[in-house]
């Protein structure tokens, strides 16, 4: 199992991939990742398990290494989705089946309008710690509900 960030809505969401290939260098000893740094270097793939986390019908999984430029592009992506629906959710979760643990995860939701949404909100969501409580068997999930 692993951490997943995804976007959910009641309208179909477009997948995205970089227009060109970028180098990927992972240095395990130093704990660094270098991915070319281009703002378009992220992926949005169809997320089939969206109904396990939300009542929204559609989802795309975000695969990226956070940068401010990429966060700005995600803001534009959310803005475009809000032209077709009233609410878009950004989630940061641990991929799991609930029966694996004694209790359901703690879900921390925050609701804001698109005009209030900033790259700092996206960074905070991206950096949120899933296993942040004393009960190691109960993860925290985070959701930003963005409304028009």
N, C-alpha and C. Protein backbone atom coordinates (compact mmCIF):
# COMPACT_ATOMS: atom_id res chain seq x y z
N UNK A 1 0.84 -1.18 0.00
CA UNK A 1 0.00 0.00 0.00
C UNK A 1 0.89 1.24 0.00
N UNK A 2 0.29 2.37 -0.39
CA UNK A 2 1.08 3.58 -0.48
C UNK A 2 0.21 4.82 -0.43
N UNK A 3 0.87 5.97 -0.37
CA UNK A 3 0.19 7.25 -0.37
C UNK A 3 -0.29 7.56 -1.78
N UNK A 4 -1.47 8.17 -1.87
CA UNK A 4 -2.04 8.54 -3.17
C UNK A 4 -2.69 9.91 -3.04
N UNK A 5 -2.44 10.75 -4.02
CA UNK A 5 -3.14 12.03 -4.13
C UNK A 5 -4.01 11.94 -5.37
N UNK A 6 -5.29 12.27 -5.22
CA UNK A 6 -6.17 12.20 -6.38
C UNK A 6 -7.17 13.35 -6.37
N UNK A 7 -7.73 13.59 -7.54
CA UNK A 7 -8.74 14.63 -7.74
C UNK A 7 -10.03 13.91 -8.10
N UNK A 8 -11.15 14.32 -7.49
CA UNK A 8 -12.44 13.67 -7.73
C UNK A 8 -13.50 14.71 -8.06
N UNK A 9 -14.45 14.32 -8.90
CA UNK A 9 -15.55 15.20 -9.29
C UNK A 9 -16.69 14.37 -9.86
N UNK A 10 -17.83 15.01 -10.07
CA UNK A 10 -18.97 14.35 -10.69
C UNK A 10 -19.01 14.53 -12.20
N UNK A 11 -17.95 15.04 -12.76
CA UNK A 11 -17.83 15.15 -14.21
C UNK A 11 -16.57 14.40 -14.64
N UNK A 12 -16.53 13.91 -15.87
CA UNK A 12 -15.32 13.23 -16.32
C UNK A 12 -14.10 14.16 -16.21
N UNK A 13 -12.99 13.59 -15.76
CA UNK A 13 -11.75 14.34 -15.59
C UNK A 13 -10.73 13.85 -16.61
N UNK A 14 -10.03 14.78 -17.21
CA UNK A 14 -9.05 14.44 -18.24
C UNK A 14 -7.78 13.89 -17.63
N UNK A 15 -7.21 12.91 -18.31
CA UNK A 15 -5.90 12.42 -17.94
C UNK A 15 -4.86 13.37 -18.54
N UNK A 16 -3.66 13.35 -17.99
CA UNK A 16 -2.60 14.23 -18.49
C UNK A 16 -1.25 13.53 -18.35
N UNK A 17 -0.35 13.87 -19.26
CA UNK A 17 1.02 13.36 -19.22
C UNK A 17 1.92 14.42 -19.84
N UNK A 18 3.19 14.43 -19.47
CA UNK A 18 4.10 15.41 -20.07
C UNK A 18 4.18 15.21 -21.58
N UNK A 19 4.38 16.31 -22.28
CA UNK A 19 4.47 16.22 -23.74
C UNK A 19 5.80 15.62 -24.19
N UNK A 20 6.81 15.70 -23.34
CA UNK A 20 8.09 15.07 -23.69
C UNK A 20 8.62 14.33 -22.48
N UNK A 21 9.60 13.48 -22.71
CA UNK A 21 10.19 12.72 -21.61
C UNK A 21 11.25 13.56 -20.91
N UNK A 22 11.30 13.40 -19.60
CA UNK A 22 12.29 14.10 -18.79
C UNK A 22 13.13 13.08 -18.06
N UNK A 23 14.37 13.44 -17.74
CA UNK A 23 15.22 12.49 -17.00
C UNK A 23 14.71 12.33 -15.57
N UNK A 24 14.90 11.14 -15.02
CA UNK A 24 14.55 10.89 -13.63
C UNK A 24 15.76 10.31 -12.95
N UNK A 25 16.27 11.04 -11.95
CA UNK A 25 17.44 10.59 -11.19
C UNK A 25 17.06 10.50 -9.73
N UNK A 26 17.16 9.29 -9.18
CA UNK A 26 16.84 9.08 -7.77
C UNK A 26 18.13 8.70 -7.06
N UNK A 27 18.48 9.47 -6.04
CA UNK A 27 19.66 9.18 -5.23
C UNK A 27 19.18 8.74 -3.85
N UNK A 28 19.18 7.43 -3.64
CA UNK A 28 18.69 6.88 -2.38
C UNK A 28 19.57 7.30 -1.22
N UNK A 29 20.87 7.36 -1.41
CA UNK A 29 21.79 7.73 -0.33
C UNK A 29 21.52 9.15 0.18
N UNK A 30 21.21 10.06 -0.73
CA UNK A 30 20.96 11.45 -0.35
C UNK A 30 19.48 11.75 -0.16
N UNK A 31 18.63 10.81 -0.57
CA UNK A 31 17.18 11.01 -0.46
C UNK A 31 16.65 12.09 -1.38
N UNK A 32 17.23 12.19 -2.58
CA UNK A 32 16.81 13.24 -3.51
C UNK A 32 16.22 12.64 -4.79
N UNK A 33 15.33 13.41 -5.39
CA UNK A 33 14.74 13.04 -6.69
C UNK A 33 14.89 14.25 -7.59
N UNK A 34 15.44 14.03 -8.77
CA UNK A 34 15.55 15.09 -9.78
C UNK A 34 14.78 14.60 -10.99
N UNK A 35 13.76 15.37 -11.37
CA UNK A 35 12.89 14.92 -12.46
C UNK A 35 12.84 15.90 -13.62
N UNK A 36 13.82 16.73 -13.74
CA UNK A 36 13.85 17.67 -14.85
C UNK A 36 13.27 19.02 -14.51
N UNK A 37 12.43 19.08 -13.48
CA UNK A 37 11.93 20.35 -12.97
C UNK A 37 10.92 21.08 -13.82
N UNK A 38 10.54 20.54 -14.97
CA UNK A 38 9.58 21.24 -15.83
C UNK A 38 8.19 21.22 -15.20
N UNK A 39 7.46 22.30 -15.37
CA UNK A 39 6.15 22.42 -14.76
C UNK A 39 5.14 21.41 -15.29
N UNK A 40 5.34 20.91 -16.51
CA UNK A 40 4.38 19.95 -17.06
C UNK A 40 4.77 18.50 -16.77
N UNK A 41 5.74 18.28 -15.92
CA UNK A 41 6.25 16.94 -15.65
C UNK A 41 5.48 16.29 -14.50
N UNK A 42 4.22 15.94 -14.78
CA UNK A 42 3.38 15.21 -13.84
C UNK A 42 2.38 14.39 -14.64
N UNK A 43 1.75 13.45 -13.99
CA UNK A 43 0.78 12.60 -14.65
C UNK A 43 -0.54 12.63 -13.90
N UNK A 44 -1.63 12.56 -14.62
CA UNK A 44 -2.97 12.37 -14.07
C UNK A 44 -3.54 11.13 -14.76
N UNK A 45 -3.68 10.04 -14.00
CA UNK A 45 -4.21 8.80 -14.52
C UNK A 45 -5.59 8.53 -13.94
N UNK A 46 -6.42 7.85 -14.70
CA UNK A 46 -7.74 7.48 -14.21
C UNK A 46 -7.59 6.72 -12.89
N UNK A 47 -8.36 7.13 -11.91
CA UNK A 47 -8.33 6.50 -10.58
C UNK A 47 -9.60 5.69 -10.42
N UNK A 48 -9.47 4.39 -10.50
CA UNK A 48 -10.63 3.49 -10.50
C UNK A 48 -11.25 3.29 -9.12
N UNK A 49 -10.51 3.55 -8.06
CA UNK A 49 -11.00 3.29 -6.70
C UNK A 49 -11.63 4.51 -6.05
N UNK A 50 -12.05 5.49 -6.83
CA UNK A 50 -12.56 6.75 -6.27
C UNK A 50 -13.74 6.51 -5.32
N UNK A 51 -14.60 5.54 -5.63
CA UNK A 51 -15.79 5.30 -4.80
C UNK A 51 -15.44 4.75 -3.42
N UNK A 52 -14.22 4.30 -3.22
CA UNK A 52 -13.79 3.83 -1.90
C UNK A 52 -13.54 4.99 -0.94
N UNK A 53 -13.44 6.22 -1.47
CA UNK A 53 -13.06 7.37 -0.66
C UNK A 53 -14.09 8.51 -0.67
N UNK A 54 -14.88 8.60 -1.73
CA UNK A 54 -15.79 9.73 -1.89
C UNK A 54 -17.03 9.29 -2.66
N UNK A 55 -18.05 10.13 -2.63
CA UNK A 55 -19.25 9.84 -3.41
C UNK A 55 -19.17 10.39 -4.84
N UNK A 56 -18.06 11.01 -5.19
CA UNK A 56 -17.86 11.52 -6.54
C UNK A 56 -17.71 10.35 -7.51
N UNK A 57 -18.10 10.57 -8.76
CA UNK A 57 -18.12 9.49 -9.76
C UNK A 57 -16.79 9.28 -10.48
N UNK A 58 -16.00 10.35 -10.61
CA UNK A 58 -14.79 10.28 -11.43
C UNK A 58 -13.57 10.71 -10.62
N UNK A 59 -12.42 10.14 -10.98
CA UNK A 59 -11.20 10.53 -10.29
C UNK A 59 -9.98 10.34 -11.17
N UNK A 60 -8.97 11.14 -10.91
CA UNK A 60 -7.66 10.97 -11.53
C UNK A 60 -6.61 11.01 -10.43
N UNK A 61 -5.67 10.09 -10.53
CA UNK A 61 -4.57 9.99 -9.57
C UNK A 61 -3.44 10.90 -10.04
N UNK A 62 -2.92 11.68 -9.13
CA UNK A 62 -1.84 12.62 -9.44
C UNK A 62 -0.50 12.00 -9.08
N UNK A 63 0.35 11.84 -10.07
CA UNK A 63 1.72 11.36 -9.83
C UNK A 63 2.66 12.50 -10.15
N UNK A 64 3.38 12.95 -9.11
CA UNK A 64 4.25 14.11 -9.29
C UNK A 64 5.23 14.25 -8.14
N UNK A 65 6.14 15.14 -8.33
CA UNK A 65 7.02 15.66 -7.29
C UNK A 65 6.63 17.13 -7.20
N UNK A 66 6.12 17.57 -6.06
CA UNK A 66 5.57 18.91 -5.93
C UNK A 66 6.57 20.00 -6.33
N UNK A 67 6.09 20.94 -7.14
CA UNK A 67 6.77 22.22 -7.36
C UNK A 67 5.67 23.27 -7.42
N UNK A 68 6.01 24.52 -7.17
CA UNK A 68 5.02 25.59 -7.22
C UNK A 68 4.42 25.71 -8.61
N UNK A 69 5.24 25.57 -9.64
CA UNK A 69 4.74 25.66 -11.02
C UNK A 69 3.73 24.56 -11.33
N UNK A 70 4.00 23.35 -10.86
CA UNK A 70 3.07 22.25 -11.08
C UNK A 70 1.78 22.49 -10.29
N UNK A 71 1.90 23.01 -9.08
CA UNK A 71 0.71 23.32 -8.27
C UNK A 71 -0.16 24.35 -8.99
N UNK A 72 0.46 25.33 -9.64
CA UNK A 72 -0.31 26.31 -10.40
C UNK A 72 -1.06 25.64 -11.54
N UNK A 73 -0.46 24.65 -12.16
CA UNK A 73 -1.15 23.93 -13.23
C UNK A 73 -2.32 23.12 -12.67
N UNK A 74 -2.17 22.58 -11.49
CA UNK A 74 -3.28 21.85 -10.86
C UNK A 74 -4.40 22.82 -10.52
N UNK A 75 -4.06 24.03 -10.11
CA UNK A 75 -5.10 25.05 -9.88
C UNK A 75 -5.90 25.28 -11.17
N UNK A 76 -5.23 25.39 -12.29
CA UNK A 76 -5.90 25.59 -13.56
C UNK A 76 -6.76 24.38 -13.94
N UNK A 77 -6.26 23.20 -13.63
CA UNK A 77 -7.01 21.97 -13.88
C UNK A 77 -8.31 21.96 -13.07
N UNK A 78 -8.21 22.32 -11.79
CA UNK A 78 -9.40 22.38 -10.93
C UNK A 78 -10.37 23.44 -11.44
N UNK A 79 -9.84 24.58 -11.84
CA UNK A 79 -10.68 25.65 -12.38
C UNK A 79 -11.47 25.17 -13.60
N UNK A 80 -10.82 24.45 -14.49
CA UNK A 80 -11.48 23.92 -15.69
C UNK A 80 -12.56 22.90 -15.31
N UNK A 81 -12.28 22.07 -14.33
CA UNK A 81 -13.27 21.08 -13.89
C UNK A 81 -14.48 21.76 -13.27
N UNK A 82 -14.25 22.87 -12.56
CA UNK A 82 -15.36 23.59 -11.92
C UNK A 82 -16.27 24.29 -12.93
N UNK A 83 -15.86 24.34 -14.19
CA UNK A 83 -16.75 24.86 -15.22
C UNK A 83 -17.82 23.83 -15.58
N UNK A 84 -17.60 22.56 -15.17
CA UNK A 84 -18.54 21.49 -15.49
C UNK A 84 -19.29 20.95 -14.27
N UNK A 85 -18.84 21.30 -13.08
CA UNK A 85 -19.44 20.77 -11.86
C UNK A 85 -19.30 21.80 -10.73
N UNK A 86 -20.04 21.60 -9.65
CA UNK A 86 -20.01 22.57 -8.55
C UNK A 86 -18.92 22.33 -7.53
N UNK A 87 -18.44 21.09 -7.44
CA UNK A 87 -17.46 20.73 -6.40
C UNK A 87 -16.39 19.83 -7.01
N UNK A 88 -15.14 20.13 -6.69
CA UNK A 88 -14.01 19.27 -7.02
C UNK A 88 -13.29 18.98 -5.72
N UNK A 89 -12.92 17.73 -5.51
CA UNK A 89 -12.22 17.35 -4.29
C UNK A 89 -10.79 16.94 -4.61
N UNK A 90 -9.86 17.39 -3.77
CA UNK A 90 -8.47 16.96 -3.83
C UNK A 90 -8.22 16.14 -2.58
N UNK A 91 -7.78 14.90 -2.76
CA UNK A 91 -7.58 13.96 -1.66
C UNK A 91 -6.12 13.55 -1.54
N UNK A 92 -5.72 13.27 -0.30
CA UNK A 92 -4.39 12.72 0.00
C UNK A 92 -4.66 11.58 0.98
N UNK A 93 -4.47 10.34 0.52
CA UNK A 93 -4.89 9.16 1.28
C UNK A 93 -3.83 8.08 1.27
N UNK A 94 -4.07 7.08 2.08
CA UNK A 94 -3.31 5.84 2.06
C UNK A 94 -4.18 4.83 1.34
N UNK A 95 -3.68 4.24 0.27
CA UNK A 95 -4.45 3.24 -0.46
C UNK A 95 -4.60 2.00 0.41
N UNK A 96 -5.85 1.65 0.69
CA UNK A 96 -6.08 0.53 1.59
C UNK A 96 -7.51 0.06 1.50
N UNK A 97 -7.74 -1.10 2.09
CA UNK A 97 -9.09 -1.58 2.35
C UNK A 97 -9.32 -1.40 3.83
N UNK A 98 -10.47 -0.88 4.20
CA UNK A 98 -10.72 -0.57 5.60
C UNK A 98 -10.62 -1.78 6.51
N UNK A 99 -10.94 -2.94 6.02
CA UNK A 99 -10.92 -4.12 6.87
C UNK A 99 -9.52 -4.50 7.33
N UNK A 100 -8.48 -3.89 6.75
CA UNK A 100 -7.12 -4.18 7.17
C UNK A 100 -6.81 -3.59 8.54
N UNK A 101 -7.60 -2.67 9.01
CA UNK A 101 -7.31 -1.95 10.24
C UNK A 101 -8.50 -2.01 11.19
N UNK A 102 -8.25 -1.76 12.45
CA UNK A 102 -9.29 -1.82 13.47
C UNK A 102 -10.36 -0.76 13.29
N UNK A 103 -9.96 0.42 12.83
CA UNK A 103 -10.90 1.52 12.71
C UNK A 103 -10.72 2.21 11.36
N UNK A 104 -11.76 2.91 10.97
CA UNK A 104 -11.67 3.69 9.74
C UNK A 104 -10.68 4.84 9.94
N UNK A 105 -10.15 5.37 8.84
CA UNK A 105 -9.21 6.50 8.96
C UNK A 105 -9.91 7.76 9.48
N UNK A 106 -9.12 8.64 10.02
CA UNK A 106 -9.60 9.96 10.40
C UNK A 106 -9.62 10.78 9.12
N UNK A 107 -10.78 11.34 8.76
CA UNK A 107 -10.88 12.13 7.54
C UNK A 107 -10.95 13.60 7.91
N UNK A 108 -9.97 14.34 7.45
CA UNK A 108 -9.90 15.77 7.72
C UNK A 108 -10.27 16.52 6.45
N UNK A 109 -11.46 17.13 6.47
CA UNK A 109 -11.95 17.86 5.29
C UNK A 109 -11.91 19.35 5.54
N UNK A 110 -11.63 20.05 4.48
CA UNK A 110 -11.68 21.51 4.50
C UNK A 110 -12.38 21.97 3.24
N UNK A 111 -13.34 22.87 3.39
CA UNK A 111 -14.12 23.37 2.25
C UNK A 111 -13.72 24.81 1.98
N UNK A 112 -13.47 25.13 0.71
CA UNK A 112 -13.14 26.49 0.32
C UNK A 112 -13.59 26.74 -1.10
N UNK A 113 -13.73 28.01 -1.43
CA UNK A 113 -14.10 28.38 -2.79
C UNK A 113 -12.84 28.36 -3.66
N UNK A 114 -13.05 28.30 -4.96
CA UNK A 114 -11.88 28.30 -5.84
C UNK A 114 -11.06 29.57 -5.65
N UNK A 115 -11.71 30.70 -5.43
CA UNK A 115 -10.96 31.96 -5.25
C UNK A 115 -10.09 31.93 -3.99
N UNK A 116 -10.42 31.07 -3.04
CA UNK A 116 -9.61 30.95 -1.82
C UNK A 116 -8.46 29.94 -1.99
N UNK A 117 -8.58 29.04 -2.95
CA UNK A 117 -7.59 27.98 -3.15
C UNK A 117 -6.27 28.57 -3.65
N UNK A 118 -5.18 28.13 -3.05
CA UNK A 118 -3.86 28.63 -3.45
C UNK A 118 -2.87 27.48 -3.58
N UNK A 119 -1.71 27.78 -4.12
CA UNK A 119 -0.65 26.77 -4.21
C UNK A 119 -0.23 26.32 -2.81
N UNK A 120 -0.34 27.19 -1.83
CA UNK A 120 0.00 26.80 -0.45
C UNK A 120 -0.95 25.72 0.06
N UNK A 121 -2.23 25.79 -0.31
CA UNK A 121 -3.18 24.74 0.08
C UNK A 121 -2.80 23.41 -0.55
N UNK A 122 -2.39 23.46 -1.80
CA UNK A 122 -2.00 22.24 -2.50
C UNK A 122 -0.72 21.67 -1.90
N UNK A 123 0.22 22.54 -1.56
CA UNK A 123 1.46 22.08 -0.91
C UNK A 123 1.16 21.45 0.44
N UNK A 124 0.29 22.09 1.22
CA UNK A 124 -0.08 21.56 2.53
C UNK A 124 -0.72 20.18 2.39
N UNK A 125 -1.59 20.02 1.41
CA UNK A 125 -2.22 18.72 1.17
C UNK A 125 -1.16 17.69 0.76
N UNK A 126 -0.29 18.07 -0.14
CA UNK A 126 0.77 17.18 -0.61
C UNK A 126 1.69 16.72 0.52
N UNK A 127 1.97 17.62 1.46
CA UNK A 127 2.91 17.33 2.54
C UNK A 127 2.26 16.72 3.77
N UNK A 128 0.93 16.59 3.77
CA UNK A 128 0.23 16.08 4.95
C UNK A 128 0.70 14.67 5.30
N UNK A 129 0.87 14.43 6.58
CA UNK A 129 1.35 13.13 7.06
C UNK A 129 0.16 12.20 7.31
N UNK A 130 0.16 11.10 6.63
CA UNK A 130 -0.91 10.11 6.75
C UNK A 130 -0.88 9.43 8.12
N UNK A 131 0.30 9.03 8.53
CA UNK A 131 0.46 8.32 9.82
C UNK A 131 0.94 9.33 10.86
N UNK A 132 0.02 10.16 11.32
CA UNK A 132 0.41 11.28 12.18
C UNK A 132 -0.15 11.19 13.59
N UNK A 133 -0.68 10.06 13.98
CA UNK A 133 -1.27 9.98 15.31
C UNK A 133 -0.68 8.82 16.10
N UNK A 134 -0.99 8.78 17.36
CA UNK A 134 -0.43 7.77 18.26
C UNK A 134 -0.93 6.37 17.91
N UNK A 135 -2.10 6.26 17.34
CA UNK A 135 -2.65 4.97 16.95
C UNK A 135 -2.17 4.65 15.55
N UNK A 136 -1.08 3.91 15.45
CA UNK A 136 -0.46 3.64 14.14
C UNK A 136 -1.37 2.88 13.19
N UNK A 137 -2.43 2.27 13.70
CA UNK A 137 -3.34 1.54 12.84
C UNK A 137 -4.48 2.40 12.31
N UNK A 138 -4.43 3.69 12.56
CA UNK A 138 -5.50 4.58 12.10
C UNK A 138 -4.90 5.78 11.37
N UNK A 139 -4.88 5.72 10.04
CA UNK A 139 -4.29 6.82 9.27
C UNK A 139 -5.23 8.03 9.19
N UNK A 140 -4.68 9.16 8.78
CA UNK A 140 -5.45 10.35 8.50
C UNK A 140 -5.53 10.55 6.99
N UNK A 141 -6.73 10.80 6.49
CA UNK A 141 -6.94 11.16 5.09
C UNK A 141 -7.30 12.63 5.06
N UNK A 142 -6.90 13.31 3.99
CA UNK A 142 -7.12 14.75 3.88
C UNK A 142 -7.90 15.03 2.60
N UNK A 143 -8.86 15.95 2.70
CA UNK A 143 -9.67 16.30 1.54
C UNK A 143 -9.89 17.81 1.51
N UNK A 144 -9.57 18.41 0.37
CA UNK A 144 -9.92 19.79 0.10
C UNK A 144 -11.14 19.78 -0.82
N UNK A 145 -12.26 20.27 -0.34
CA UNK A 145 -13.45 20.40 -1.18
C UNK A 145 -13.44 21.81 -1.74
N UNK A 146 -13.34 21.91 -3.04
CA UNK A 146 -13.27 23.21 -3.70
C UNK A 146 -14.60 23.44 -4.42
N UNK A 147 -15.27 24.55 -4.07
CA UNK A 147 -16.54 24.88 -4.69
C UNK A 147 -16.38 26.13 -5.56
N UNK A 148 -17.29 26.28 -6.50
CA UNK A 148 -17.24 27.45 -7.39
C UNK A 148 -17.28 28.74 -6.63
